[in-house]
Amino acid sequence: MDKTIVLVKLAEEGAIGEEKPISLRELARKLDTSPQTIFRVLERLENEGMIIRKVRGRRTYIELTEKAVSFLEELYDTLGKALYGGFLVGEVISGLGEGAYYVQIYRERIREYLGFDPYPGTLNVRLLFPRTVFDALYKVKPVLIPGFVKNGRTFGDVKAYRIRIDGLESAIVIPSRTVHPANVAEIIAPVKIREKLGLKDGDRVKITIV
């Protein structure tokens, strides 16, 4: 059995920053293997300086070392870049009809901070991969469009992420207060994206993060 699988499971069991009582039989059951296999992997991890293992009576206590935590952090970063580091896939859906109003309200600031004059409307895409907008953009630095007050009403900050859809320059916008669920990306562009790319509800699109 690969040691990485065991390390991940030990982390899930809470063996980071403290000793946790670990049952070899229970750990083997969760990983669909034998207690003997788990024992051998734990011996290997101990020899490699990945875990601290102590036996007290009939109980085994395990804690991941700093080396193991660093290994898992690097693995997390690598997987994040591979899965969420460059694109999103979703299907076009109808919006709530409020996009045009807010794009007009923020128009001058969008032009100033993103460098294009936005079409007064948005394209809404329900994500199929990854599961949420935040999964896709968690390591991408946004362009922050600052909020303002107009006619006594406060309009909050907007985070904008530069993207391309079929080569078309555009941006995902996430207002500080949004009614969209986390699996819906709201997109602005210099043109009406639906007409430019011939899109309709249900069409699948691939979004490239710039």
N, C-alpha and C. Protein backbone atom coordinates (compact mmCIF):
# COMPACT_ATOMS: atom_id res chain seq x y z
N MET A 1 0.85 -1.20 0.00
CA MET A 1 0.00 0.00 0.00
C MET A 1 0.88 1.24 0.00
N ASP A 2 0.45 2.25 -0.76
CA ASP A 2 1.23 3.47 -0.87
C ASP A 2 1.18 4.23 0.46
N LYS A 3 2.33 4.75 0.86
CA LYS A 3 2.40 5.46 2.14
C LYS A 3 1.57 6.73 2.15
N THR A 4 1.40 7.35 0.97
CA THR A 4 0.65 8.60 0.89
C THR A 4 -0.79 8.41 1.34
N ILE A 5 -1.38 7.28 0.94
CA ILE A 5 -2.76 7.00 1.32
C ILE A 5 -2.89 6.90 2.83
N VAL A 6 -1.91 6.26 3.45
CA VAL A 6 -1.94 6.09 4.91
C VAL A 6 -1.73 7.44 5.60
N LEU A 7 -0.82 8.25 5.08
CA LEU A 7 -0.59 9.57 5.67
C LEU A 7 -1.84 10.44 5.60
N VAL A 8 -2.50 10.41 4.46
CA VAL A 8 -3.72 11.20 4.31
C VAL A 8 -4.78 10.74 5.31
N LYS A 9 -4.92 9.43 5.45
CA LYS A 9 -5.92 8.90 6.38
C LYS A 9 -5.56 9.26 7.83
N LEU A 10 -4.30 9.20 8.17
CA LEU A 10 -3.87 9.58 9.52
C LEU A 10 -4.17 11.06 9.78
N ALA A 11 -3.96 11.89 8.75
CA ALA A 11 -4.28 13.31 8.88
C ALA A 11 -5.78 13.50 9.09
N GLU A 12 -6.58 12.73 8.35
CA GLU A 12 -8.04 12.79 8.51
C GLU A 12 -8.46 12.37 9.92
N GLU A 13 -7.71 11.44 10.49
CA GLU A 13 -8.03 10.96 11.84
C GLU A 13 -7.59 11.94 12.92
N GLY A 14 -6.91 13.02 12.51
CA GLY A 14 -6.54 14.06 13.47
C GLY A 14 -5.16 13.94 14.07
N ALA A 15 -4.27 13.16 13.43
CA ALA A 15 -2.94 12.93 13.99
C ALA A 15 -1.95 14.03 13.60
N ILE A 16 -2.41 15.27 13.56
CA ILE A 16 -1.55 16.42 13.28
C ILE A 16 -1.55 17.32 14.51
N GLY A 17 -0.36 17.54 15.05
CA GLY A 17 -0.26 18.42 16.21
C GLY A 17 -0.54 17.74 17.53
N GLU A 18 -0.91 16.48 17.50
CA GLU A 18 -1.17 15.73 18.73
C GLU A 18 -1.14 14.23 18.45
N GLU A 19 -0.89 13.48 19.49
CA GLU A 19 -0.94 12.03 19.36
C GLU A 19 -2.38 11.57 19.31
N LYS A 20 -2.67 10.64 18.43
CA LYS A 20 -4.02 10.10 18.34
C LYS A 20 -3.97 8.59 18.50
N PRO A 21 -4.86 8.02 19.31
CA PRO A 21 -4.91 6.55 19.41
C PRO A 21 -5.43 5.97 18.10
N ILE A 22 -4.66 5.07 17.54
CA ILE A 22 -5.00 4.48 16.24
C ILE A 22 -5.13 2.97 16.37
N SER A 23 -6.25 2.44 15.95
CA SER A 23 -6.46 1.00 15.91
C SER A 23 -6.03 0.48 14.55
N LEU A 24 -5.04 -0.42 14.52
CA LEU A 24 -4.58 -0.96 13.25
C LEU A 24 -5.71 -1.67 12.52
N ARG A 25 -6.52 -2.38 13.26
CA ARG A 25 -7.62 -3.11 12.64
C ARG A 25 -8.63 -2.14 12.01
N GLU A 26 -8.94 -1.07 12.74
CA GLU A 26 -9.91 -0.09 12.23
C GLU A 26 -9.34 0.68 11.04
N LEU A 27 -8.07 1.03 11.13
CA LEU A 27 -7.41 1.75 10.03
C LEU A 27 -7.36 0.87 8.79
N ALA A 28 -7.09 -0.43 8.99
CA ALA A 28 -7.06 -1.37 7.87
C ALA A 28 -8.43 -1.49 7.23
N ARG A 29 -9.46 -1.52 8.06
CA ARG A 29 -10.83 -1.62 7.53
C ARG A 29 -11.17 -0.41 6.67
N LYS A 30 -10.81 0.77 7.15
CA LYS A 30 -11.12 2.00 6.42
C LYS A 30 -10.36 2.08 5.10
N LEU A 31 -9.18 1.46 5.05
CA LEU A 31 -8.36 1.51 3.83
C LEU A 31 -8.47 0.23 3.02
N ASP A 32 -9.39 -0.65 3.44
CA ASP A 32 -9.66 -1.89 2.70
C ASP A 32 -8.39 -2.72 2.49
N THR A 33 -7.68 -2.94 3.58
CA THR A 33 -6.47 -3.77 3.52
C THR A 33 -6.36 -4.55 4.83
N SER A 34 -5.23 -5.18 5.05
CA SER A 34 -5.06 -6.01 6.26
C SER A 34 -4.28 -5.25 7.33
N PRO A 35 -4.50 -5.60 8.61
CA PRO A 35 -3.71 -4.97 9.68
C PRO A 35 -2.21 -5.19 9.51
N GLN A 36 -1.84 -6.34 8.94
CA GLN A 36 -0.42 -6.62 8.72
C GLN A 36 0.19 -5.62 7.72
N THR A 37 -0.59 -5.29 6.69
CA THR A 37 -0.11 -4.32 5.70
C THR A 37 0.04 -2.95 6.33
N ILE A 38 -0.94 -2.56 7.13
CA ILE A 38 -0.88 -1.26 7.81
C ILE A 38 0.33 -1.21 8.74
N PHE A 39 0.58 -2.32 9.45
CA PHE A 39 1.73 -2.36 10.36
C PHE A 39 3.03 -2.14 9.61
N ARG A 40 3.17 -2.76 8.44
CA ARG A 40 4.39 -2.61 7.65
C ARG A 40 4.55 -1.18 7.15
N VAL A 41 3.46 -0.58 6.70
CA VAL A 41 3.53 0.81 6.20
C VAL A 41 3.89 1.76 7.34
N LEU A 42 3.33 1.54 8.51
CA LEU A 42 3.64 2.39 9.66
C LEU A 42 5.11 2.26 10.05
N GLU A 43 5.63 1.05 9.99
CA GLU A 43 7.07 0.85 10.26
C GLU A 43 7.92 1.64 9.28
N ARG A 44 7.52 1.60 8.01
CA ARG A 44 8.25 2.34 6.97
C ARG A 44 8.17 3.84 7.21
N LEU A 45 6.99 4.34 7.56
CA LEU A 45 6.81 5.77 7.82
C LEU A 45 7.63 6.21 9.03
N GLU A 46 7.69 5.35 10.03
CA GLU A 46 8.49 5.66 11.23
C GLU A 46 9.97 5.73 10.89
N ASN A 47 10.44 4.78 10.10
CA ASN A 47 11.85 4.76 9.69
C ASN A 47 12.21 5.97 8.83
N GLU A 48 11.23 6.48 8.08
CA GLU A 48 11.47 7.65 7.21
C GLU A 48 11.28 8.97 7.95
N GLY A 49 10.96 8.89 9.23
CA GLY A 49 10.79 10.11 10.01
C GLY A 49 9.49 10.84 9.73
N MET A 50 8.47 10.09 9.24
CA MET A 50 7.19 10.69 8.90
C MET A 50 6.19 10.66 10.06
N ILE A 51 6.37 9.72 10.96
CA ILE A 51 5.46 9.60 12.10
C ILE A 51 6.23 9.32 13.37
N ILE A 52 5.62 9.69 14.48
CA ILE A 52 6.09 9.28 15.81
C ILE A 52 5.08 8.28 16.33
N ARG A 53 5.55 7.09 16.64
CA ARG A 53 4.64 6.02 17.05
C ARG A 53 5.00 5.56 18.46
N LYS A 54 4.00 5.51 19.31
CA LYS A 54 4.21 5.07 20.69
C LYS A 54 3.16 4.03 21.03
N VAL A 55 3.59 3.01 21.76
CA VAL A 55 2.67 1.96 22.19
C VAL A 55 2.54 2.04 23.70
N ARG A 56 1.31 2.19 24.15
CA ARG A 56 1.03 2.22 25.58
C ARG A 56 -0.01 1.15 25.88
N GLY A 57 0.42 0.10 26.52
CA GLY A 57 -0.48 -1.02 26.76
C GLY A 57 -0.89 -1.64 25.44
N ARG A 58 -2.18 -1.71 25.20
CA ARG A 58 -2.66 -2.28 23.96
C ARG A 58 -2.96 -1.23 22.90
N ARG A 59 -2.68 0.03 23.22
CA ARG A 59 -3.01 1.10 22.30
C ARG A 59 -1.77 1.65 21.61
N THR A 60 -1.94 1.99 20.32
CA THR A 60 -0.89 2.62 19.54
C THR A 60 -1.27 4.08 19.32
N TYR A 61 -0.33 4.98 19.62
CA TYR A 61 -0.55 6.41 19.44
C TYR A 61 0.37 6.90 18.33
N ILE A 62 -0.19 7.67 17.43
CA ILE A 62 0.58 8.14 16.27
C ILE A 62 0.40 9.64 16.11
N GLU A 63 1.50 10.30 15.76
CA GLU A 63 1.46 11.73 15.42
C GLU A 63 2.31 11.94 14.18
N LEU A 64 1.80 12.71 13.23
CA LEU A 64 2.57 13.04 12.04
C LEU A 64 3.66 14.04 12.41
N THR A 65 4.85 13.84 11.86
CA THR A 65 5.96 14.75 12.11
C THR A 65 5.86 15.96 11.19
N GLU A 66 6.70 16.94 11.45
CA GLU A 66 6.75 18.14 10.59
C GLU A 66 7.09 17.76 9.15
N LYS A 67 7.94 16.75 9.00
CA LYS A 67 8.31 16.27 7.66
C LYS A 67 7.08 15.74 6.92
N ALA A 68 6.24 15.01 7.62
CA ALA A 68 5.03 14.46 7.00
C ALA A 68 4.04 15.56 6.63
N VAL A 69 3.89 16.53 7.52
CA VAL A 69 2.97 17.64 7.25
C VAL A 69 3.43 18.43 6.04
N SER A 70 4.74 18.66 5.93
CA SER A 70 5.28 19.37 4.76
C SER A 70 5.04 18.58 3.49
N PHE A 71 5.19 17.27 3.58
CA PHE A 71 4.94 16.39 2.43
C PHE A 71 3.49 16.51 1.97
N LEU A 72 2.55 16.50 2.92
CA LEU A 72 1.14 16.59 2.57
C LEU A 72 0.79 17.97 2.03
N GLU A 73 1.41 19.02 2.55
CA GLU A 73 1.16 20.38 2.05
C GLU A 73 1.63 20.52 0.61
N GLU A 74 2.80 19.94 0.30
CA GLU A 74 3.30 19.98 -1.08
C GLU A 74 2.39 19.19 -2.01
N LEU A 75 1.89 18.06 -1.52
CA LEU A 75 0.96 17.25 -2.30
C LEU A 75 -0.32 18.03 -2.57
N TYR A 76 -0.81 18.73 -1.56
CA TYR A 76 -2.02 19.53 -1.70
C TYR A 76 -1.84 20.62 -2.75
N ASP A 77 -0.70 21.31 -2.70
CA ASP A 77 -0.42 22.36 -3.68
C ASP A 77 -0.34 21.80 -5.09
N THR A 78 0.33 20.64 -5.23
CA THR A 78 0.48 20.03 -6.55
C THR A 78 -0.87 19.62 -7.13
N LEU A 79 -1.70 18.99 -6.30
CA LEU A 79 -3.03 18.57 -6.75
C LEU A 79 -3.90 19.78 -7.07
N GLY A 80 -3.78 20.83 -6.25
CA GLY A 80 -4.56 22.03 -6.50
C GLY A 80 -4.23 22.65 -7.84
N LYS A 81 -2.94 22.71 -8.17
CA LYS A 81 -2.54 23.28 -9.46
C LYS A 81 -3.00 22.41 -10.62
N ALA A 82 -2.91 21.08 -10.42
CA ALA A 82 -3.30 20.17 -11.49
C ALA A 82 -4.80 20.20 -11.75
N LEU A 83 -5.60 20.27 -10.68
CA LEU A 83 -7.05 20.19 -10.82
C LEU A 83 -7.71 21.54 -11.04
N TYR A 84 -7.22 22.56 -10.31
CA TYR A 84 -7.92 23.83 -10.31
C TYR A 84 -7.07 24.99 -10.82
N GLY A 85 -5.93 24.69 -11.36
CA GLY A 85 -5.00 25.77 -11.67
C GLY A 85 -5.14 26.43 -13.00
N GLY A 86 -6.08 26.05 -13.84
CA GLY A 86 -6.06 26.68 -15.15
C GLY A 86 -7.38 26.84 -15.86
N PHE A 87 -8.39 26.08 -15.47
CA PHE A 87 -9.62 26.17 -16.24
C PHE A 87 -10.83 25.73 -15.43
N LEU A 88 -11.99 26.11 -15.95
CA LEU A 88 -13.27 25.69 -15.40
C LEU A 88 -14.11 25.17 -16.56
N VAL A 89 -15.01 24.26 -16.26
CA VAL A 89 -15.95 23.76 -17.26
C VAL A 89 -17.36 23.88 -16.69
N GLY A 90 -18.27 24.39 -17.51
CA GLY A 90 -19.64 24.53 -17.03
C GLY A 90 -20.63 24.62 -18.17
N GLU A 91 -21.89 24.83 -17.82
CA GLU A 91 -22.92 24.98 -18.84
C GLU A 91 -23.66 26.29 -18.64
N VAL A 92 -24.02 26.89 -19.76
CA VAL A 92 -24.67 28.19 -19.76
C VAL A 92 -26.08 28.07 -19.18
N ILE A 93 -26.42 29.01 -18.31
CA ILE A 93 -27.77 29.05 -17.73
C ILE A 93 -28.29 30.48 -17.80
N SER A 94 -29.59 30.64 -17.64
CA SER A 94 -30.17 31.98 -17.59
C SER A 94 -29.90 32.61 -16.23
N GLY A 95 -29.67 33.93 -16.23
CA GLY A 95 -29.41 34.64 -14.99
C GLY A 95 -30.69 35.15 -14.36
N LEU A 96 -30.51 36.02 -13.39
CA LEU A 96 -31.65 36.55 -12.65
C LEU A 96 -32.15 37.87 -13.24
N GLY A 97 -31.48 38.35 -14.28
CA GLY A 97 -31.91 39.57 -14.93
C GLY A 97 -31.40 40.85 -14.28
N GLU A 98 -30.52 40.72 -13.26
CA GLU A 98 -30.01 41.90 -12.57
C GLU A 98 -28.62 42.31 -13.05
N GLY A 99 -28.01 41.45 -13.87
CA GLY A 99 -26.64 41.70 -14.29
C GLY A 99 -26.46 43.02 -15.01
N ALA A 100 -27.39 43.34 -15.92
CA ALA A 100 -27.27 44.56 -16.72
C ALA A 100 -27.24 45.80 -15.83
N TYR A 101 -28.09 45.82 -14.83
CA TYR A 101 -28.15 46.98 -13.93
C TYR A 101 -26.81 47.20 -13.22
N TYR A 102 -26.27 46.13 -12.65
CA TYR A 102 -25.04 46.28 -11.89
C TYR A 102 -23.83 46.54 -12.77
N VAL A 103 -23.81 45.96 -13.96
CA VAL A 103 -22.71 46.26 -14.88
C VAL A 103 -22.73 47.74 -15.24
N GLN A 104 -23.90 48.30 -15.46
CA GLN A 104 -24.00 49.72 -15.76
C GLN A 104 -23.53 50.56 -14.58
N ILE A 105 -23.91 50.15 -13.37
CA ILE A 105 -23.52 50.89 -12.17
C ILE A 105 -22.00 50.92 -12.01
N TYR A 106 -21.37 49.78 -12.29
CA TYR A 106 -19.91 49.66 -12.11
C TYR A 106 -19.13 49.92 -13.40
N ARG A 107 -19.80 50.34 -14.42
CA ARG A 107 -19.19 50.41 -15.76
C ARG A 107 -17.88 51.20 -15.80
N GLU A 108 -17.89 52.40 -15.23
CA GLU A 108 -16.68 53.22 -15.26
C GLU A 108 -15.53 52.56 -14.51
N ARG A 109 -15.85 51.93 -13.41
CA ARG A 109 -14.79 51.28 -12.63
C ARG A 109 -14.29 50.00 -13.31
N ILE A 110 -15.18 49.30 -13.97
CA ILE A 110 -14.75 48.12 -14.74
C ILE A 110 -13.80 48.56 -15.84
N ARG A 111 -14.14 49.64 -16.51
CA ARG A 111 -13.29 50.16 -17.57
C ARG A 111 -11.92 50.55 -17.01
N GLU A 112 -11.94 51.18 -15.83
CA GLU A 112 -10.69 51.64 -15.23
C GLU A 112 -9.81 50.49 -14.76
N TYR A 113 -10.41 49.49 -14.11
CA TYR A 113 -9.62 48.44 -13.48
C TYR A 113 -9.38 47.22 -14.37
N LEU A 114 -10.28 46.95 -15.31
CA LEU A 114 -10.11 45.78 -16.18
C LEU A 114 -9.69 46.16 -17.60
N GLY A 115 -9.87 47.44 -17.94
CA GLY A 115 -9.38 47.90 -19.24
C GLY A 115 -10.29 47.65 -20.41
N PHE A 116 -11.56 47.31 -20.17
CA PHE A 116 -12.51 47.19 -21.28
C PHE A 116 -13.87 47.75 -20.88
N ASP A 117 -14.60 48.17 -21.89
CA ASP A 117 -15.94 48.71 -21.68
C ASP A 117 -16.92 47.54 -21.70
N PRO A 118 -17.56 47.22 -20.59
CA PRO A 118 -18.36 45.99 -20.52
C PRO A 118 -19.71 46.11 -21.22
N TYR A 119 -20.10 45.01 -21.84
CA TYR A 119 -21.47 44.91 -22.35
C TYR A 119 -22.40 44.91 -21.15
N PRO A 120 -23.54 45.61 -21.22
CA PRO A 120 -24.45 45.70 -20.06
C PRO A 120 -25.25 44.43 -19.83
N GLY A 121 -24.58 43.44 -19.32
CA GLY A 121 -25.21 42.16 -19.03
C GLY A 121 -24.14 41.16 -18.66
N THR A 122 -24.55 40.02 -18.15
CA THR A 122 -23.58 38.99 -17.76
C THR A 122 -23.96 37.64 -18.36
N LEU A 123 -22.95 36.79 -18.47
CA LEU A 123 -23.17 35.39 -18.84
C LEU A 123 -23.05 34.57 -17.56
N ASN A 124 -24.03 33.72 -17.31
CA ASN A 124 -23.99 32.87 -16.12
C ASN A 124 -23.70 31.42 -16.51
N VAL A 125 -22.73 30.84 -15.82
CA VAL A 125 -22.29 29.48 -16.11
C VAL A 125 -22.35 28.66 -14.84
N ARG A 126 -23.11 27.56 -14.87
CA ARG A 126 -23.15 26.63 -13.74
C ARG A 126 -22.00 25.65 -13.89
N LEU A 127 -21.14 25.61 -12.89
CA LEU A 127 -19.91 24.83 -13.00
C LEU A 127 -20.17 23.33 -12.89
N LEU A 128 -19.47 22.61 -13.76
CA LEU A 128 -19.42 21.15 -13.70
C LEU A 128 -18.10 20.70 -13.11
N PHE A 129 -17.07 21.51 -13.34
CA PHE A 129 -15.73 21.25 -12.78
C PHE A 129 -14.98 22.56 -12.69
N PRO A 130 -14.37 22.86 -11.54
CA PRO A 130 -14.55 22.18 -10.26
C PRO A 130 -15.93 22.46 -9.70
N ARG A 131 -16.15 22.09 -8.46
CA ARG A 131 -17.50 22.17 -7.90
C ARG A 131 -17.95 23.60 -7.63
N THR A 132 -17.03 24.48 -7.26
CA THR A 132 -17.39 25.86 -6.97
C THR A 132 -16.40 26.83 -7.59
N VAL A 133 -16.83 28.07 -7.70
CA VAL A 133 -15.95 29.12 -8.22
C VAL A 133 -14.73 29.27 -7.31
N PHE A 134 -14.94 29.13 -6.01
CA PHE A 134 -13.85 29.32 -5.06
C PHE A 134 -12.81 28.21 -5.15
N ASP A 135 -13.24 27.00 -5.49
CA ASP A 135 -12.29 25.91 -5.71
C ASP A 135 -11.35 26.25 -6.87
N ALA A 136 -11.90 26.87 -7.90
CA ALA A 136 -11.12 27.18 -9.09
C ALA A 136 -10.18 28.36 -8.89
N LEU A 137 -10.61 29.32 -8.08
CA LEU A 137 -9.90 30.60 -8.01
C LEU A 137 -9.17 30.83 -6.69
N TYR A 138 -9.08 29.79 -5.86
CA TYR A 138 -8.58 30.01 -4.50
C TYR A 138 -7.14 30.50 -4.47
N LYS A 139 -6.37 30.25 -5.54
CA LYS A 139 -4.98 30.69 -5.55
C LYS A 139 -4.72 31.77 -6.59
N VAL A 140 -5.78 32.28 -7.20
CA VAL A 140 -5.65 33.30 -8.22
C VAL A 140 -5.86 34.67 -7.59
N LYS A 141 -4.96 35.60 -7.86
CA LYS A 141 -5.07 36.94 -7.29
C LYS A 141 -6.09 37.74 -8.10
N PRO A 142 -7.13 38.26 -7.46
CA PRO A 142 -8.15 39.01 -8.20
C PRO A 142 -7.76 40.46 -8.43
N VAL A 143 -8.44 41.07 -9.37
CA VAL A 143 -8.40 42.52 -9.50
C VAL A 143 -9.53 43.05 -8.62
N LEU A 144 -9.20 43.88 -7.66
CA LEU A 144 -10.22 44.39 -6.74
C LEU A 144 -10.79 45.70 -7.28
N ILE A 145 -12.08 45.66 -7.58
CA ILE A 145 -12.79 46.86 -8.01
C ILE A 145 -13.45 47.44 -6.76
N PRO A 146 -12.99 48.60 -6.30
CA PRO A 146 -13.47 49.13 -5.01
C PRO A 146 -14.92 49.60 -5.07
N GLY A 147 -15.58 49.47 -3.95
CA GLY A 147 -16.96 49.91 -3.84
C GLY A 147 -17.07 51.42 -3.75
N PHE A 148 -18.30 51.90 -3.68
CA PHE A 148 -18.54 53.34 -3.65
C PHE A 148 -19.96 53.60 -3.14
N VAL A 149 -20.27 54.86 -2.92
CA VAL A 149 -21.60 55.26 -2.50
C VAL A 149 -22.20 56.14 -3.59
N LYS A 150 -23.44 55.83 -3.97
CA LYS A 150 -24.11 56.60 -5.01
C LYS A 150 -25.56 56.83 -4.60
N ASN A 151 -25.96 58.10 -4.58
CA ASN A 151 -27.32 58.47 -4.20
C ASN A 151 -27.72 57.86 -2.84
N GLY A 152 -26.77 57.87 -1.93
CA GLY A 152 -27.02 57.37 -0.59
C GLY A 152 -27.00 55.86 -0.46
N ARG A 153 -26.71 55.15 -1.55
CA ARG A 153 -26.68 53.69 -1.52
C ARG A 153 -25.24 53.20 -1.65
N THR A 154 -24.91 52.23 -0.84
CA THR A 154 -23.54 51.69 -0.85
C THR A 154 -23.46 50.48 -1.78
N PHE A 155 -22.46 50.53 -2.68
CA PHE A 155 -22.17 49.42 -3.57
C PHE A 155 -20.80 48.86 -3.17
N GLY A 156 -20.76 47.58 -2.81
CA GLY A 156 -19.55 46.99 -2.25
C GLY A 156 -18.46 46.69 -3.25
N ASP A 157 -17.33 46.23 -2.72
CA ASP A 157 -16.20 45.82 -3.56
C ASP A 157 -16.61 44.64 -4.44
N VAL A 158 -15.93 44.54 -5.57
CA VAL A 158 -16.13 43.41 -6.48
C VAL A 158 -14.77 42.81 -6.80
N LYS A 159 -14.64 41.50 -6.65
CA LYS A 159 -13.42 40.81 -7.07
C LYS A 159 -13.61 40.33 -8.51
N ALA A 160 -12.64 40.64 -9.35
CA ALA A 160 -12.71 40.26 -10.76
C ALA A 160 -11.51 39.39 -11.11
N TYR A 161 -11.76 38.31 -11.86
CA TYR A 161 -10.71 37.38 -12.26
C TYR A 161 -10.67 37.31 -13.78
N ARG A 162 -9.55 37.66 -14.34
CA ARG A 162 -9.43 37.68 -15.80
C ARG A 162 -9.48 36.26 -16.36
N ILE A 163 -10.29 36.08 -17.39
CA ILE A 163 -10.43 34.76 -18.03
C ILE A 163 -10.58 34.94 -19.53
N ARG A 164 -10.63 33.83 -20.24
CA ARG A 164 -10.98 33.81 -21.65
C ARG A 164 -11.94 32.66 -21.91
N ILE A 165 -12.93 32.94 -22.75
CA ILE A 165 -13.84 31.90 -23.21
C ILE A 165 -13.70 31.83 -24.72
N ASP A 166 -13.16 30.72 -25.21
CA ASP A 166 -12.92 30.58 -26.65
C ASP A 166 -12.13 31.76 -27.18
N GLY A 167 -11.12 32.20 -26.42
CA GLY A 167 -10.25 33.29 -26.82
C GLY A 167 -10.80 34.67 -26.54
N LEU A 168 -12.04 34.76 -26.08
CA LEU A 168 -12.66 36.06 -25.83
C LEU A 168 -12.28 36.58 -24.44
N GLU A 169 -11.72 37.80 -24.41
CA GLU A 169 -11.36 38.42 -23.14
C GLU A 169 -12.61 38.68 -22.31
N SER A 170 -12.57 38.28 -21.06
CA SER A 170 -13.72 38.45 -20.17
C SER A 170 -13.24 38.33 -18.73
N ALA A 171 -14.18 38.36 -17.80
CA ALA A 171 -13.79 38.27 -16.39
C ALA A 171 -14.93 37.69 -15.56
N ILE A 172 -14.59 36.84 -14.62
CA ILE A 172 -15.54 36.39 -13.61
C ILE A 172 -15.59 37.46 -12.53
N VAL A 173 -16.80 37.88 -12.17
CA VAL A 173 -16.93 38.89 -11.12
C VAL A 173 -17.67 38.30 -9.92
N ILE A 174 -17.14 38.60 -8.74
CA ILE A 174 -17.75 38.13 -7.50
C ILE A 174 -17.97 39.32 -6.59
N PRO A 175 -19.20 39.84 -6.54
CA PRO A 175 -19.49 40.96 -5.63
C PRO A 175 -19.33 40.55 -4.18
N SER A 176 -19.09 41.54 -3.32
CA SER A 176 -18.97 41.25 -1.89
C SER A 176 -20.27 40.67 -1.34
N ARG A 177 -21.39 41.06 -1.95
CA ARG A 177 -22.68 40.46 -1.62
C ARG A 177 -23.30 39.95 -2.91
N THR A 178 -23.49 38.66 -3.00
CA THR A 178 -24.02 38.07 -4.22
C THR A 178 -25.16 37.12 -3.92
N VAL A 179 -26.10 37.03 -4.85
CA VAL A 179 -27.23 36.10 -4.68
C VAL A 179 -26.96 34.78 -5.39
N HIS A 180 -25.85 34.71 -6.12
CA HIS A 180 -25.55 33.49 -6.86
C HIS A 180 -24.95 32.43 -5.93
N PRO A 181 -25.32 31.16 -6.13
CA PRO A 181 -24.68 30.08 -5.37
C PRO A 181 -23.22 29.93 -5.79
N ALA A 182 -22.46 29.22 -4.98
CA ALA A 182 -21.02 29.12 -5.21
C ALA A 182 -20.65 28.36 -6.48
N ASN A 183 -21.61 27.62 -7.04
CA ASN A 183 -21.29 26.86 -8.25
C ASN A 183 -21.69 27.60 -9.53
N VAL A 184 -22.01 28.88 -9.43
CA VAL A 184 -22.36 29.68 -10.60
C VAL A 184 -21.34 30.80 -10.78
N ALA A 185 -20.75 30.87 -11.98
CA ALA A 185 -19.81 31.93 -12.32
C ALA A 185 -20.55 33.00 -13.11
N GLU A 186 -20.42 34.25 -12.68
CA GLU A 186 -21.02 35.39 -13.37
C GLU A 186 -19.91 36.09 -14.16
N ILE A 187 -20.12 36.24 -15.45
CA ILE A 187 -19.04 36.68 -16.34
C ILE A 187 -19.42 37.93 -17.11
N ILE A 188 -18.48 38.87 -17.18
CA ILE A 188 -18.65 40.07 -17.98
C ILE A 188 -17.63 40.09 -19.10
N ALA A 189 -17.93 40.84 -20.16
CA ALA A 189 -17.04 40.91 -21.32
C ALA A 189 -17.34 42.19 -22.09
N PRO A 190 -16.47 42.55 -23.06
CA PRO A 190 -16.73 43.76 -23.85
C PRO A 190 -17.90 43.59 -24.83
N VAL A 191 -18.34 42.36 -25.04
CA VAL A 191 -19.42 42.08 -25.99
C VAL A 191 -20.44 41.16 -25.32
N LYS A 192 -21.58 40.99 -26.00
CA LYS A 192 -22.57 40.03 -25.51
C LYS A 192 -22.07 38.64 -25.86
N ILE A 193 -21.65 37.91 -24.85
CA ILE A 193 -20.96 36.64 -25.07
C ILE A 193 -21.86 35.63 -25.78
N ARG A 194 -23.11 35.59 -25.39
CA ARG A 194 -24.04 34.62 -26.01
C ARG A 194 -24.07 34.80 -27.53
N GLU A 195 -24.19 36.05 -27.98
CA GLU A 195 -24.28 36.31 -29.41
C GLU A 195 -22.93 36.10 -30.10
N LYS A 196 -21.87 36.58 -29.48
CA LYS A 196 -20.53 36.47 -30.07
C LYS A 196 -20.13 35.02 -30.29
N LEU A 197 -20.45 34.16 -29.32
CA LEU A 197 -20.03 32.76 -29.40
C LEU A 197 -21.17 31.83 -29.77
N GLY A 198 -22.35 32.38 -30.01
CA GLY A 198 -23.49 31.56 -30.41
C GLY A 198 -23.93 30.58 -29.34
N LEU A 199 -23.97 31.05 -28.10
CA LEU A 199 -24.30 30.17 -26.98
C LEU A 199 -25.77 30.25 -26.61
N LYS A 200 -26.28 29.14 -26.09
CA LYS A 200 -27.64 29.10 -25.55
C LYS A 200 -27.62 28.28 -24.28
N ASP A 201 -28.70 28.35 -23.51
CA ASP A 201 -28.78 27.60 -22.26
C ASP A 201 -28.50 26.12 -22.49
N GLY A 202 -27.66 25.56 -21.63
CA GLY A 202 -27.31 24.15 -21.74
C GLY A 202 -26.03 23.89 -22.49
N ASP A 203 -25.54 24.88 -23.24
CA ASP A 203 -24.27 24.70 -23.96
C ASP A 203 -23.13 24.63 -22.97
N ARG A 204 -22.17 23.77 -23.25
CA ARG A 204 -21.01 23.61 -22.38
C ARG A 204 -19.88 24.53 -22.84
N VAL A 205 -19.22 25.16 -21.89
CA VAL A 205 -18.12 26.07 -22.20
C VAL A 205 -16.91 25.73 -21.33
N LYS A 206 -15.74 26.01 -21.86
CA LYS A 206 -14.49 25.86 -21.10
C LYS A 206 -13.92 27.24 -20.88
N ILE A 207 -13.66 27.55 -19.62
CA ILE A 207 -13.18 28.87 -19.23
C ILE A 207 -11.71 28.75 -18.82
N THR A 208 -10.87 29.54 -19.46
CA THR A 208 -9.44 29.51 -19.17
C THR A 208 -9.08 30.70 -18.28
N ILE A 209 -8.42 30.43 -17.17
CA ILE A 209 -7.97 31.48 -16.27
C ILE A 209 -6.69 32.11 -16.81
N VAL A 210 -6.69 33.41 -16.94
CA VAL A 210 -5.54 34.12 -17.52
C VAL A 210 -4.50 34.40 -16.42
